[in-house]
């Protein structure tokens, strides 16, 4: 998939299903084990089935590079959208990649 290509509805559905699966995996693995909670394989069976079905429908089974390109495309802004320096979700904004500046520390006894 080239950078200028538009995702088909099936490709978008596959990428979104993969992102939902990642969220479910994170949630299942961060939950403390408990007597009332089902084990992670049970929790993940529905999102895994959804992702498998969506990948097959989009023709992406076994093509991880294309899938990851589509997932990345979900999170990119289009070039026509204005840049917002206060929005860290804009990957084209250089300020989004900078961390906070470290505080200046002056050793005690260092004079002015």
Protein backbone atom coordinates (compact mmCIF):
# COMPACT_ATOMS: atom_id res chain seq x y z
CA UNK A 1 0.00 0.00 0.00
CA UNK A 2 1.45 3.36 -0.97
CA UNK A 3 1.35 6.40 1.28
CA UNK A 4 -1.20 8.09 -0.96
CA UNK A 5 -3.57 5.13 -1.38
CA UNK A 6 -6.94 5.23 0.32
CA UNK A 7 -7.93 2.27 2.49
CA UNK A 8 -10.83 0.16 1.36
CA UNK A 9 -13.62 -0.41 3.86
CA UNK A 10 -12.37 -3.98 4.39
CA UNK A 11 -8.80 -2.81 5.00
CA UNK A 12 -10.03 -0.20 7.47
CA UNK A 13 -12.18 -2.82 9.23
CA UNK A 14 -9.17 -5.17 9.48
CA UNK A 15 -6.92 -2.45 10.90
CA UNK A 16 -9.58 -1.38 13.39
CA UNK A 17 -10.21 -4.99 14.45
CA UNK A 18 -6.47 -5.41 15.06
CA UNK A 19 -6.38 -2.24 17.17
CA UNK A 20 -9.38 -3.49 19.18
CA UNK A 21 -7.62 -6.83 19.67
CA UNK A 22 -4.54 -5.02 21.00
CA UNK A 23 -6.73 -3.13 23.45
CA UNK A 24 -8.37 -6.35 24.61
CA UNK A 25 -4.97 -8.01 25.09
CA UNK A 26 -3.72 -5.07 27.14
CA UNK A 27 -6.86 -5.09 29.27
CA UNK A 28 -6.73 -8.86 29.80
CA UNK A 29 -3.08 -8.78 30.80
CA UNK A 30 -3.35 -5.80 33.14
CA UNK A 31 -6.34 -7.14 35.07
CA UNK A 32 -5.25 -8.84 38.27
CA UNK A 33 -6.23 -12.49 38.33
CA UNK A 34 -9.39 -13.04 40.28
CA UNK A 35 -11.90 -15.75 40.96
CA UNK A 36 -14.69 -13.90 39.12
CA UNK A 37 -12.68 -12.95 36.02
CA UNK A 38 -12.42 -15.44 33.15
CA UNK A 39 -8.88 -16.32 32.01
CA UNK A 40 -7.37 -14.22 29.16
CA UNK A 41 -7.92 -16.87 26.45
CA UNK A 42 -11.66 -16.72 27.10
CA UNK A 43 -11.68 -12.91 27.10
CA UNK A 44 -9.71 -12.75 23.86
CA UNK A 45 -11.58 -15.35 21.81
CA UNK A 46 -14.15 -12.89 20.40
CA UNK A 47 -11.68 -10.11 19.44
CA UNK A 48 -9.31 -12.70 17.93
CA UNK A 49 -12.12 -14.18 15.85
CA UNK A 50 -13.18 -10.69 14.72
CA UNK A 51 -9.61 -9.81 13.71
CA UNK A 52 -9.12 -13.14 11.89
CA UNK A 53 -12.36 -12.66 9.95
CA UNK A 54 -11.54 -9.05 9.05
CA UNK A 55 -7.99 -9.94 7.96
CA UNK A 56 -9.31 -12.73 5.73
CA UNK A 57 -11.97 -10.47 4.20
CA UNK A 58 -9.33 -7.85 3.40
CA UNK A 59 -6.91 -10.42 1.96
CA UNK A 60 -4.31 -9.63 4.62
CA UNK A 61 -3.81 -13.07 6.16
CA UNK A 62 -0.05 -13.60 6.43
CA UNK A 63 0.76 -10.06 5.26
CA UNK A 64 1.76 -8.35 8.48
CA UNK A 65 3.67 -5.55 6.76
CA UNK A 66 0.57 -4.43 4.89
CA UNK A 67 -1.55 -4.70 8.05
CA UNK A 68 0.89 -2.63 10.11
CA UNK A 69 0.97 -0.04 7.34
CA UNK A 70 -2.82 0.18 7.51
CA UNK A 71 -2.79 0.44 11.31
CA UNK A 72 -0.25 3.25 11.05
CA UNK A 73 -2.48 4.92 8.47
CA UNK A 74 -5.37 4.95 10.93
CA UNK A 75 -3.40 7.24 13.21
CA UNK A 76 -1.99 9.64 10.62
CA UNK A 77 -3.54 13.00 9.90
CA UNK A 78 -4.17 13.95 6.34
CA UNK A 79 -1.86 16.65 4.92
CA UNK A 80 -4.86 18.97 4.55
CA UNK A 81 -5.53 19.03 8.31
CA UNK A 82 -3.95 21.97 10.11
CA UNK A 83 -1.10 21.31 12.50
CA UNK A 84 -1.92 21.87 16.15
CA UNK A 85 1.18 22.17 18.37
CA UNK A 86 -0.88 21.51 21.49
CA UNK A 87 -2.13 18.20 20.06
CA UNK A 88 0.44 15.46 20.76
CA UNK A 89 -1.50 12.98 18.61
CA UNK A 90 -0.33 14.79 15.47
CA UNK A 91 2.75 12.81 14.37
CA UNK A 92 3.65 15.38 11.70
CA UNK A 93 4.12 18.04 14.37
CA UNK A 94 7.78 18.13 15.54
CA UNK A 95 6.65 19.41 18.95
CA UNK A 96 4.75 16.15 19.45
CA UNK A 97 8.05 14.24 19.49
CA UNK A 98 9.79 16.41 22.05
CA UNK A 99 9.60 15.57 25.69
CA UNK A 100 9.51 18.14 28.46
CA UNK A 101 12.62 20.20 28.91
CA UNK A 102 14.70 19.25 31.92
CA UNK A 103 14.80 21.77 34.73
CA UNK A 104 17.99 23.74 35.18
CA UNK A 105 19.79 22.69 38.29
CA UNK A 106 22.33 24.97 39.93
CA UNK A 107 24.59 23.26 42.46
CA UNK A 108 24.47 24.70 45.96
CA UNK A 109 27.18 27.17 46.59
CA UNK A 110 27.51 28.05 42.92
CA UNK A 111 27.34 31.80 42.91
CA UNK A 112 25.46 34.24 40.87
